[in-house]
Amino acid sequence: ATLEFQWTGSDGSQTSVSLNTPAEPS
């Protein structure tokens, strides 16, 4: 499974975070 997250820094910058189980869980 692949899950998409959005991280937003305190300065407003954004980064997509894609986690995959079991290949790339972190």
mmCIF file of all heavy atoms, coordinates in Angstrom:
data_MODEL
# 
_entry.id   MODEL 
# 
loop_
_atom_site.group_PDB 
_atom_site.id 
_atom_site.type_symbol 
_atom_site.label_atom_id 
_atom_site.label_alt_id 
_atom_site.label_comp_id 
_atom_site.label_asym_id 
_atom_site.label_entity_id 
_atom_site.label_seq_id 
_atom_site.pdbx_PDB_ins_code 
_atom_site.Cartn_x 
_atom_site.Cartn_y 
_atom_site.Cartn_z 
_atom_site.occupancy 
_atom_site.B_iso_or_equiv 
_atom_site.pdbx_formal_charge 
_atom_site.auth_seq_id 
_atom_site.auth_comp_id 
_atom_site.auth_asym_id 
_atom_site.auth_atom_id 
_atom_site.pdbx_PDB_model_num 
ATOM 1   N N   . ALA A 1 1  ? 0.852  -1.191 0.000  1.00 0.00 ? 1  ALA A N   1 
ATOM 2   C CA  . ALA A 1 1  ? 0.000  0.000  0.000  1.00 0.00 ? 1  ALA A CA  1 
ATOM 3   C C   . ALA A 1 1  ? 0.885  1.236  0.000  1.00 0.00 ? 1  ALA A C   1 
ATOM 4   O O   . ALA A 1 1  ? 1.970  1.244  0.590  1.00 0.00 ? 1  ALA A O   1 
ATOM 5   C CB  . ALA A 1 1  ? -0.914 0.010  1.220  1.00 0.00 ? 1  ALA A CB  1 
ATOM 6   N N   . THR A 1 2  ? 0.417  2.280  -0.680 1.00 0.00 ? 2  THR A N   1 
ATOM 7   C CA  . THR A 1 2  ? 1.127  3.557  -0.720 1.00 0.00 ? 2  THR A CA  1 
ATOM 8   C C   . THR A 1 2  ? 0.220  4.627  -0.136 1.00 0.00 ? 2  THR A C   1 
ATOM 9   O O   . THR A 1 2  ? -0.932 4.749  -0.536 1.00 0.00 ? 2  THR A O   1 
ATOM 10  C CB  . THR A 1 2  ? 1.533  3.924  -2.159 1.00 0.00 ? 2  THR A CB  1 
ATOM 11  O OG1 . THR A 1 2  ? 2.347  2.874  -2.681 1.00 0.00 ? 2  THR A OG1 1 
ATOM 12  C CG2 . THR A 1 2  ? 2.297  5.232  -2.198 1.00 0.00 ? 2  THR A CG2 1 
ATOM 13  N N   . LEU A 1 3  ? 0.757  5.381  0.807  1.00 0.00 ? 3  LEU A N   1 
ATOM 14  C CA  . LEU A 1 3  ? 0.013  6.447  1.467  1.00 0.00 ? 3  LEU A CA  1 
ATOM 15  C C   . LEU A 1 3  ? 0.704  7.770  1.203  1.00 0.00 ? 3  LEU A C   1 
ATOM 16  O O   . LEU A 1 3  ? 1.928  7.857  1.260  1.00 0.00 ? 3  LEU A O   1 
ATOM 17  C CB  . LEU A 1 3  ? -0.033 6.219  2.978  1.00 0.00 ? 3  LEU A CB  1 
ATOM 18  C CG  . LEU A 1 3  ? -0.909 5.073  3.462  1.00 0.00 ? 3  LEU A CG  1 
ATOM 19  C CD1 . LEU A 1 3  ? -0.300 3.733  3.146  1.00 0.00 ? 3  LEU A CD1 1 
ATOM 20  C CD2 . LEU A 1 3  ? -1.139 5.204  4.938  1.00 0.00 ? 3  LEU A CD2 1 
ATOM 21  N N   . GLU A 1 4  ? -0.085 8.791  0.924  1.00 0.00 ? 4  GLU A N   1 
ATOM 22  C CA  . GLU A 1 4  ? 0.446  10.136 0.684  1.00 0.00 ? 4  GLU A CA  1 
ATOM 23  C C   . GLU A 1 4  ? 0.130  11.034 1.878  1.00 0.00 ? 4  GLU A C   1 
ATOM 24  O O   . GLU A 1 4  ? -1.012 11.089 2.342  1.00 0.00 ? 4  GLU A O   1 
ATOM 25  C CB  . GLU A 1 4  ? -0.159 10.742 -0.576 1.00 0.00 ? 4  GLU A CB  1 
ATOM 26  C CG  . GLU A 1 4  ? 0.249  10.035 -1.847 1.00 0.00 ? 4  GLU A CG  1 
ATOM 27  C CD  . GLU A 1 4  ? 1.740  10.058 -2.128 1.00 0.00 ? 4  GLU A CD  1 
ATOM 28  O OE1 . GLU A 1 4  ? 2.403  11.072 -1.812 1.00 0.00 ? 4  GLU A OE1 1 
ATOM 29  O OE2 . GLU A 1 4  ? 2.243  9.056  -2.648 1.00 0.00 ? 4  GLU A OE2 1 
ATOM 30  N N   . PHE A 1 5  ? 1.168  11.731 2.346  1.00 0.00 ? 5  PHE A N   1 
ATOM 31  C CA  . PHE A 1 5  ? 1.056  12.709 3.418  1.00 0.00 ? 5  PHE A CA  1 
ATOM 32  C C   . PHE A 1 5  ? 1.595  14.034 2.911  1.00 0.00 ? 5  PHE A C   1 
ATOM 33  O O   . PHE A 1 5  ? 2.395  14.081 1.973  1.00 0.00 ? 5  PHE A O   1 
ATOM 34  C CB  . PHE A 1 5  ? 1.871  12.265 4.644  1.00 0.00 ? 5  PHE A CB  1 
ATOM 35  C CG  . PHE A 1 5  ? 1.317  11.063 5.339  1.00 0.00 ? 5  PHE A CG  1 
ATOM 36  C CD1 . PHE A 1 5  ? 1.621  9.782  4.901  1.00 0.00 ? 5  PHE A CD1 1 
ATOM 37  C CD2 . PHE A 1 5  ? 0.489  11.205 6.438  1.00 0.00 ? 5  PHE A CD2 1 
ATOM 38  C CE1 . PHE A 1 5  ? 1.120  8.673  5.533  1.00 0.00 ? 5  PHE A CE1 1 
ATOM 39  C CE2 . PHE A 1 5  ? -0.023 10.088 7.087  1.00 0.00 ? 5  PHE A CE2 1 
ATOM 40  C CZ  . PHE A 1 5  ? 0.294  8.819  6.631  1.00 0.00 ? 5  PHE A CZ  1 
ATOM 41  N N   . GLN A 1 6  ? 1.182  15.122 3.530  1.00 0.00 ? 6  GLN A N   1 
ATOM 42  C CA  . GLN A 1 6  ? 1.704  16.453 3.209  1.00 0.00 ? 6  GLN A CA  1 
ATOM 43  C C   . GLN A 1 6  ? 2.285  17.028 4.492  1.00 0.00 ? 6  GLN A C   1 
ATOM 44  O O   . GLN A 1 6  ? 1.570  17.172 5.494  1.00 0.00 ? 6  GLN A O   1 
ATOM 45  C CB  . GLN A 1 6  ? 0.583  17.353 2.701  1.00 0.00 ? 6  GLN A CB  1 
ATOM 46  C CG  . GLN A 1 6  ? 1.021  18.744 2.302  1.00 0.00 ? 6  GLN A CG  1 
ATOM 47  C CD  . GLN A 1 6  ? 1.767  18.737 0.977  1.00 0.00 ? 6  GLN A CD  1 
ATOM 48  O OE1 . GLN A 1 6  ? 1.357  18.057 0.057  1.00 0.00 ? 6  GLN A OE1 1 
ATOM 49  N NE2 . GLN A 1 6  ? 2.840  19.481 0.893  1.00 0.00 ? 6  GLN A NE2 1 
ATOM 50  N N   . TRP A 1 7  ? 3.580  17.324 4.482  1.00 0.00 ? 7  TRP A N   1 
ATOM 51  C CA  . TRP A 1 7  ? 4.223  17.969 5.624  1.00 0.00 ? 7  TRP A CA  1 
ATOM 52  C C   . TRP A 1 7  ? 4.339  19.445 5.319  1.00 0.00 ? 7  TRP A C   1 
ATOM 53  O O   . TRP A 1 7  ? 4.781  19.838 4.238  1.00 0.00 ? 7  TRP A O   1 
ATOM 54  C CB  . TRP A 1 7  ? 5.602  17.366 5.870  1.00 0.00 ? 7  TRP A CB  1 
ATOM 55  C CG  . TRP A 1 7  ? 6.332  18.049 6.996  1.00 0.00 ? 7  TRP A CG  1 
ATOM 56  C CD1 . TRP A 1 7  ? 6.165  17.841 8.326  1.00 0.00 ? 7  TRP A CD1 1 
ATOM 57  C CD2 . TRP A 1 7  ? 7.320  19.069 6.873  1.00 0.00 ? 7  TRP A CD2 1 
ATOM 58  N NE1 . TRP A 1 7  ? 6.998  18.664 9.041  1.00 0.00 ? 7  TRP A NE1 1 
ATOM 59  C CE2 . TRP A 1 7  ? 7.713  19.435 8.162  1.00 0.00 ? 7  TRP A CE2 1 
ATOM 60  C CE3 . TRP A 1 7  ? 7.901  19.713 5.783  1.00 0.00 ? 7  TRP A CE3 1 
ATOM 61  C CZ2 . TRP A 1 7  ? 8.666  20.407 8.412  1.00 0.00 ? 7  TRP A CZ2 1 
ATOM 62  C CZ3 . TRP A 1 7  ? 8.860  20.686 6.021  1.00 0.00 ? 7  TRP A CZ3 1 
ATOM 63  C CH2 . TRP A 1 7  ? 9.231  21.019 7.329  1.00 0.00 ? 7  TRP A CH2 1 
ATOM 64  N N   . THR A 1 8  ? 3.913  20.283 6.258  1.00 0.00 ? 8  THR A N   1 
ATOM 65  C CA  . THR A 1 8  ? 4.005  21.732 6.113  1.00 0.00 ? 8  THR A CA  1 
ATOM 66  C C   . THR A 1 8  ? 4.877  22.261 7.242  1.00 0.00 ? 8  THR A C   1 
ATOM 67  O O   . THR A 1 8  ? 4.546  22.098 8.424  1.00 0.00 ? 8  THR A O   1 
ATOM 68  C CB  . THR A 1 8  ? 2.620  22.396 6.157  1.00 0.00 ? 8  THR A CB  1 
ATOM 69  O OG1 . THR A 1 8  ? 1.794  21.817 5.156  1.00 0.00 ? 8  THR A OG1 1 
ATOM 70  C CG2 . THR A 1 8  ? 2.719  23.896 5.945  1.00 0.00 ? 8  THR A CG2 1 
ATOM 71  N N   . GLY A 1 9  ? 5.988  22.883 6.878  1.00 0.00 ? 9  GLY A N   1 
ATOM 72  C CA  . GLY A 1 9  ? 6.889  23.443 7.873  1.00 0.00 ? 9  GLY A CA  1 
ATOM 73  C C   . GLY A 1 9  ? 6.281  24.654 8.553  1.00 0.00 ? 9  GLY A C   1 
ATOM 74  O O   . GLY A 1 9  ? 5.308  25.245 8.065  1.00 0.00 ? 9  GLY A O   1 
ATOM 75  N N   . SER A 1 10 ? 6.854  25.051 9.662  1.00 0.00 ? 10 SER A N   1 
ATOM 76  C CA  . SER A 1 10 ? 6.342  26.225 10.383 1.00 0.00 ? 10 SER A CA  1 
ATOM 77  C C   . SER A 1 10 ? 6.488  27.493 9.553  1.00 0.00 ? 10 SER A C   1 
ATOM 78  O O   . SER A 1 10 ? 5.793  28.480 9.798  1.00 0.00 ? 10 SER A O   1 
ATOM 79  C CB  . SER A 1 10 ? 7.050  26.374 11.731 1.00 0.00 ? 10 SER A CB  1 
ATOM 80  O OG  . SER A 1 10 ? 8.444  26.472 11.534 1.00 0.00 ? 10 SER A OG  1 
ATOM 81  N N   . ASP A 1 11 ? 7.357  27.459 8.523  1.00 0.00 ? 11 ASP A N   1 
ATOM 82  C CA  . ASP A 1 11 ? 7.525  28.603 7.627  1.00 0.00 ? 11 ASP A CA  1 
ATOM 83  C C   . ASP A 1 11 ? 6.580  28.547 6.422  1.00 0.00 ? 11 ASP A C   1 
ATOM 84  O O   . ASP A 1 11 ? 6.631  29.397 5.542  1.00 0.00 ? 11 ASP A O   1 
ATOM 85  C CB  . ASP A 1 11 ? 8.975  28.688 7.140  1.00 0.00 ? 11 ASP A CB  1 
ATOM 86  C CG  . ASP A 1 11 ? 9.388  27.480 6.304  1.00 0.00 ? 11 ASP A CG  1 
ATOM 87  O OD1 . ASP A 1 11 ? 8.596  26.515 6.167  1.00 0.00 ? 11 ASP A OD1 1 
ATOM 88  O OD2 . ASP A 1 11 ? 10.521 27.496 5.790  1.00 0.00 ? 11 ASP A OD2 1 
ATOM 89  N N   . GLY A 1 12 ? 5.740  27.498 6.353  1.00 0.00 ? 12 GLY A N   1 
ATOM 90  C CA  . GLY A 1 12 ? 4.779  27.364 5.253  1.00 0.00 ? 12 GLY A CA  1 
ATOM 91  C C   . GLY A 1 12 ? 5.268  26.504 4.104  1.00 0.00 ? 12 GLY A C   1 
ATOM 92  O O   . GLY A 1 12 ? 4.507  26.204 3.188  1.00 0.00 ? 12 GLY A O   1 
ATOM 93  N N   . SER A 1 13 ? 6.543  26.115 4.113  1.00 0.00 ? 13 SER A N   1 
ATOM 94  C CA  . SER A 1 13 ? 7.051  25.244 3.045  1.00 0.00 ? 13 SER A CA  1 
ATOM 95  C C   . SER A 1 13 ? 6.359  23.888 3.120  1.00 0.00 ? 13 SER A C   1 
ATOM 96  O O   . SER A 1 13 ? 6.013  23.420 4.203  1.00 0.00 ? 13 SER A O   1 
ATOM 97  C CB  . SER A 1 13 ? 8.565  25.072 3.176  1.00 0.00 ? 13 SER A CB  1 
ATOM 98  O OG  . SER A 1 13 ? 8.883  24.453 4.408  1.00 0.00 ? 13 SER A OG  1 
ATOM 99  N N   . GLN A 1 14 ? 6.136  23.261 1.951  1.00 0.00 ? 14 GLN A N   1 
ATOM 100 C CA  . GLN A 1 14 ? 5.425  21.990 1.913  1.00 0.00 ? 14 GLN A CA  1 
ATOM 101 C C   . GLN A 1 14 ? 6.252  20.919 1.227  1.00 0.00 ? 14 GLN A C   1 
ATOM 102 O O   . GLN A 1 14 ? 6.965  21.195 0.258  1.00 0.00 ? 14 GLN A O   1 
ATOM 103 C CB  . GLN A 1 14 ? 4.092  22.142 1.184  1.00 0.00 ? 14 GLN A CB  1 
ATOM 104 C CG  . GLN A 1 14 ? 3.133  23.048 1.922  1.00 0.00 ? 14 GLN A CG  1 
ATOM 105 C CD  . GLN A 1 14 ? 1.759  23.053 1.288  1.00 0.00 ? 14 GLN A CD  1 
ATOM 106 O OE1 . GLN A 1 14 ? 1.596  22.788 0.104  1.00 0.00 ? 14 GLN A OE1 1 
ATOM 107 N NE2 . GLN A 1 14 ? 0.757  23.367 2.081  1.00 0.00 ? 14 GLN A NE2 1 
ATOM 108 N N   . THR A 1 15 ? 6.138  19.697 1.738  1.00 0.00 ? 15 THR A N   1 
ATOM 109 C CA  . THR A 1 15 ? 6.828  18.545 1.176  1.00 0.00 ? 15 THR A CA  1 
ATOM 110 C C   . THR A 1 15 ? 5.865  17.368 1.154  1.00 0.00 ? 15 THR A C   1 
ATOM 111 O O   . THR A 1 15 ? 5.198  17.100 2.158  1.00 0.00 ? 15 THR A O   1 
ATOM 112 C CB  . THR A 1 15 ? 8.068  18.162 2.030  1.00 0.00 ? 15 THR A CB  1 
ATOM 113 O OG1 . THR A 1 15 ? 8.933  19.285 2.101  1.00 0.00 ? 15 THR A OG1 1 
ATOM 114 C CG2 . THR A 1 15 ? 8.800  16.974 1.458  1.00 0.00 ? 15 THR A CG2 1 
ATOM 115 N N   . SER A 1 16 ? 5.797  16.679 0.010  1.00 0.00 ? 16 SER A N   1 
ATOM 116 C CA  . SER A 1 16 ? 5.003  15.449 -0.071 1.00 0.00 ? 16 SER A CA  1 
ATOM 117 C C   . SER A 1 16 ? 5.810  14.318 0.543  1.00 0.00 ? 16 SER A C   1 
ATOM 118 O O   . SER A 1 16 ? 7.006  14.191 0.301  1.00 0.00 ? 16 SER A O   1 
ATOM 119 C CB  . SER A 1 16 ? 4.683  15.107 -1.525 1.00 0.00 ? 16 SER A CB  1 
ATOM 120 O OG  . SER A 1 16 ? 3.811  16.064 -2.049 1.00 0.00 ? 16 SER A OG  1 
ATOM 121 N N   . VAL A 1 17 ? 5.139  13.508 1.340  1.00 0.00 ? 17 VAL A N   1 
ATOM 122 C CA  . VAL A 1 17 ? 5.767  12.362 1.984  1.00 0.00 ? 17 VAL A CA  1 
ATOM 123 C C   . VAL A 1 17 ? 4.975  11.130 1.574  1.00 0.00 ? 17 VAL A C   1 
ATOM 124 O O   . VAL A 1 17 ? 3.797  11.009 1.920  1.00 0.00 ? 17 VAL A O   1 
ATOM 125 C CB  . VAL A 1 17 ? 5.778  12.508 3.525  1.00 0.00 ? 17 VAL A CB  1 
ATOM 126 C CG1 . VAL A 1 17 ? 6.381  11.280 4.181  1.00 0.00 ? 17 VAL A CG1 1 
ATOM 127 C CG2 . VAL A 1 17 ? 6.520  13.764 3.945  1.00 0.00 ? 17 VAL A CG2 1 
ATOM 128 N N   . SER A 1 18 ? 5.603  10.247 0.813  1.00 0.00 ? 18 SER A N   1 
ATOM 129 C CA  . SER A 1 18 ? 4.965  9.027  0.338  1.00 0.00 ? 18 SER A CA  1 
ATOM 130 C C   . SER A 1 18 ? 5.543  7.849  1.105  1.00 0.00 ? 18 SER A C   1 
ATOM 131 O O   . SER A 1 18 ? 6.750  7.623  1.074  1.00 0.00 ? 18 SER A O   1 
ATOM 132 C CB  . SER A 1 18 ? 5.218  8.873  -1.166 1.00 0.00 ? 18 SER A CB  1 
ATOM 133 O OG  . SER A 1 18 ? 4.625  7.700  -1.642 1.00 0.00 ? 18 SER A OG  1 
ATOM 134 N N   . LEU A 1 19 ? 4.680  7.115  1.818  1.00 0.00 ? 19 LEU A N   1 
ATOM 135 C CA  . LEU A 1 19 ? 5.119  5.951  2.582  1.00 0.00 ? 19 LEU A CA  1 
ATOM 136 C C   . LEU A 1 19 ? 4.530  4.705  1.940  1.00 0.00 ? 19 LEU A C   1 
ATOM 137 O O   . LEU A 1 19 ? 3.361  4.703  1.535  1.00 0.00 ? 19 LEU A O   1 
ATOM 138 C CB  . LEU A 1 19 ? 4.669  6.056  4.042  1.00 0.00 ? 19 LEU A CB  1 
ATOM 139 C CG  . LEU A 1 19 ? 5.155  7.278  4.813  1.00 0.00 ? 19 LEU A CG  1 
ATOM 140 C CD1 . LEU A 1 19 ? 4.582  7.293  6.218  1.00 0.00 ? 19 LEU A CD1 1 
ATOM 141 C CD2 . LEU A 1 19 ? 6.669  7.328  4.855  1.00 0.00 ? 19 LEU A CD2 1 
ATOM 142 N N   . ASN A 1 20 ? 5.341  3.653  1.842  1.00 0.00 ? 20 ASN A N   1 
ATOM 143 C CA  . ASN A 1 20 ? 4.888  2.418  1.230  1.00 0.00 ? 20 ASN A CA  1 
ATOM 144 C C   . ASN A 1 20 ? 5.186  1.252  2.159  1.00 0.00 ? 20 ASN A C   1 
ATOM 145 O O   . ASN A 1 20 ? 6.281  1.149  2.699  1.00 0.00 ? 20 ASN A O   1 
ATOM 146 C CB  . ASN A 1 20 ? 5.592  2.195  -0.114 1.00 0.00 ? 20 ASN A CB  1 
ATOM 147 C CG  . ASN A 1 20 ? 5.168  0.895  -0.765 1.00 0.00 ? 20 ASN A CG  1 
ATOM 148 O OD1 . ASN A 1 20 ? 5.670  -0.163 -0.429 1.00 0.00 ? 20 ASN A OD1 1 
ATOM 149 N ND2 . ASN A 1 20 ? 4.234  0.991  -1.691 1.00 0.00 ? 20 ASN A ND2 1 
ATOM 150 N N   . THR A 1 21 ? 4.199  0.409  2.307  1.00 0.00 ? 21 THR A N   1 
ATOM 151 C CA  . THR A 1 21 ? 4.396  -0.801 3.079  1.00 0.00 ? 21 THR A CA  1 
ATOM 152 C C   . THR A 1 21 ? 4.395  -1.986 2.131  1.00 0.00 ? 21 THR A C   1 
ATOM 153 O O   . THR A 1 21 ? 3.503  -2.077 1.299  1.00 0.00 ? 21 THR A O   1 
ATOM 154 C CB  . THR A 1 21 ? 3.333  -0.979 4.173  1.00 0.00 ? 21 THR A CB  1 
ATOM 155 O OG1 . THR A 1 21 ? 3.576  -2.204 4.850  1.00 0.00 ? 21 THR A OG1 1 
ATOM 156 C CG2 . THR A 1 21 ? 1.932  -0.976 3.675  1.00 0.00 ? 21 THR A CG2 1 
ATOM 157 N N   . PRO A 1 22 ? 5.368  -2.804 2.127  1.00 0.00 ? 22 PRO A N   1 
ATOM 158 C CA  . PRO A 1 22 ? 6.511  -2.882 3.035  1.00 0.00 ? 22 PRO A CA  1 
ATOM 159 C C   . PRO A 1 22 ? 7.784  -2.244 2.491  1.00 0.00 ? 22 PRO A C   1 
ATOM 160 O O   . PRO A 1 22 ? 8.794  -2.202 3.194  1.00 0.00 ? 22 PRO A O   1 
ATOM 161 C CB  . PRO A 1 22 ? 6.720  -4.388 3.177  1.00 0.00 ? 22 PRO A CB  1 
ATOM 162 C CG  . PRO A 1 22 ? 6.378  -4.930 1.833  1.00 0.00 ? 22 PRO A CG  1 
ATOM 163 C CD  . PRO A 1 22 ? 5.242  -4.044 1.337  1.00 0.00 ? 22 PRO A CD  1 
ATOM 164 N N   . ALA A 1 23 ? 7.789  -1.750 1.262  1.00 0.00 ? 23 ALA A N   1 
ATOM 165 C CA  . ALA A 1 23 ? 9.024  -1.312 0.586  1.00 0.00 ? 23 ALA A CA  1 
ATOM 166 C C   . ALA A 1 23 ? 9.708  -0.114 1.231  1.00 0.00 ? 23 ALA A C   1 
ATOM 167 O O   . ALA A 1 23 ? 10.929 -0.109 1.394  1.00 0.00 ? 23 ALA A O   1 
ATOM 168 C CB  . ALA A 1 23 ? 8.739  -1.007 -0.885 1.00 0.00 ? 23 ALA A CB  1 
ATOM 169 N N   . GLU A 1 24 ? 8.987  0.934  1.544  1.00 0.00 ? 24 GLU A N   1 
ATOM 170 C CA  . GLU A 1 24 ? 9.594  2.156  2.066  1.00 0.00 ? 24 GLU A CA  1 
ATOM 171 C C   . GLU A 1 24 ? 8.692  2.759  3.146  1.00 0.00 ? 24 GLU A C   1 
ATOM 172 O O   . GLU A 1 24 ? 8.020  3.757  2.927  1.00 0.00 ? 24 GLU A O   1 
ATOM 173 C CB  . GLU A 1 24 ? 9.801  3.153  0.920  1.00 0.00 ? 24 GLU A CB  1 
ATOM 174 C CG  . GLU A 1 24 ? 10.762 4.237  1.237  1.00 0.00 ? 24 GLU A CG  1 
ATOM 175 C CD  . GLU A 1 24 ? 11.131 5.062  0.008  1.00 0.00 ? 24 GLU A CD  1 
ATOM 176 O OE1 . GLU A 1 24 ? 10.483 4.949  -1.049 1.00 0.00 ? 24 GLU A OE1 1 
ATOM 177 O OE2 . GLU A 1 24 ? 12.064 5.856  0.130  1.00 0.00 ? 24 GLU A OE2 1 
ATOM 178 N N   . PRO A 1 25 ? 8.695  2.135  4.346  1.00 0.00 ? 25 PRO A N   1 
ATOM 179 C CA  . PRO A 1 25 ? 7.768  2.583  5.389  1.00 0.00 ? 25 PRO A CA  1 
ATOM 180 C C   . PRO A 1 25 ? 8.174  3.856  6.111  1.00 0.00 ? 25 PRO A C   1 
ATOM 181 O O   . PRO A 1 25 ? 7.392  4.385  6.900  1.00 0.00 ? 25 PRO A O   1 
ATOM 182 C CB  . PRO A 1 25 ? 7.728  1.404  6.359  1.00 0.00 ? 25 PRO A CB  1 
ATOM 183 C CG  . PRO A 1 25 ? 9.066  0.758  6.198  1.00 0.00 ? 25 PRO A CG  1 
ATOM 184 C CD  . PRO A 1 25 ? 9.437  0.953  4.746  1.00 0.00 ? 25 PRO A CD  1 
ATOM 185 N N   . SER A 1 26 ? 9.378  4.385  5.854  1.00 0.00 ? 26 SER A N   1 
ATOM 186 C CA  . SER A 1 26 ? 9.764  5.623  6.538  1.00 0.00 ? 26 SER A CA  1 
ATOM 187 C C   . SER A 1 26 ? 10.424 6.586  5.573  1.00 0.00 ? 26 SER A C   1 
ATOM 188 O O   . SER A 1 26 ? 11.085 6.189  4.625  1.00 0.00 ? 26 SER A O   1 
ATOM 189 C CB  . SER A 1 26 ? 10.682 5.332  7.728  1.00 0.00 ? 26 SER A CB  1 
ATOM 190 O OG  . SER A 1 26 ? 11.916 4.842  7.304  1.00 0.00 ? 26 SER A OG  1 
# 
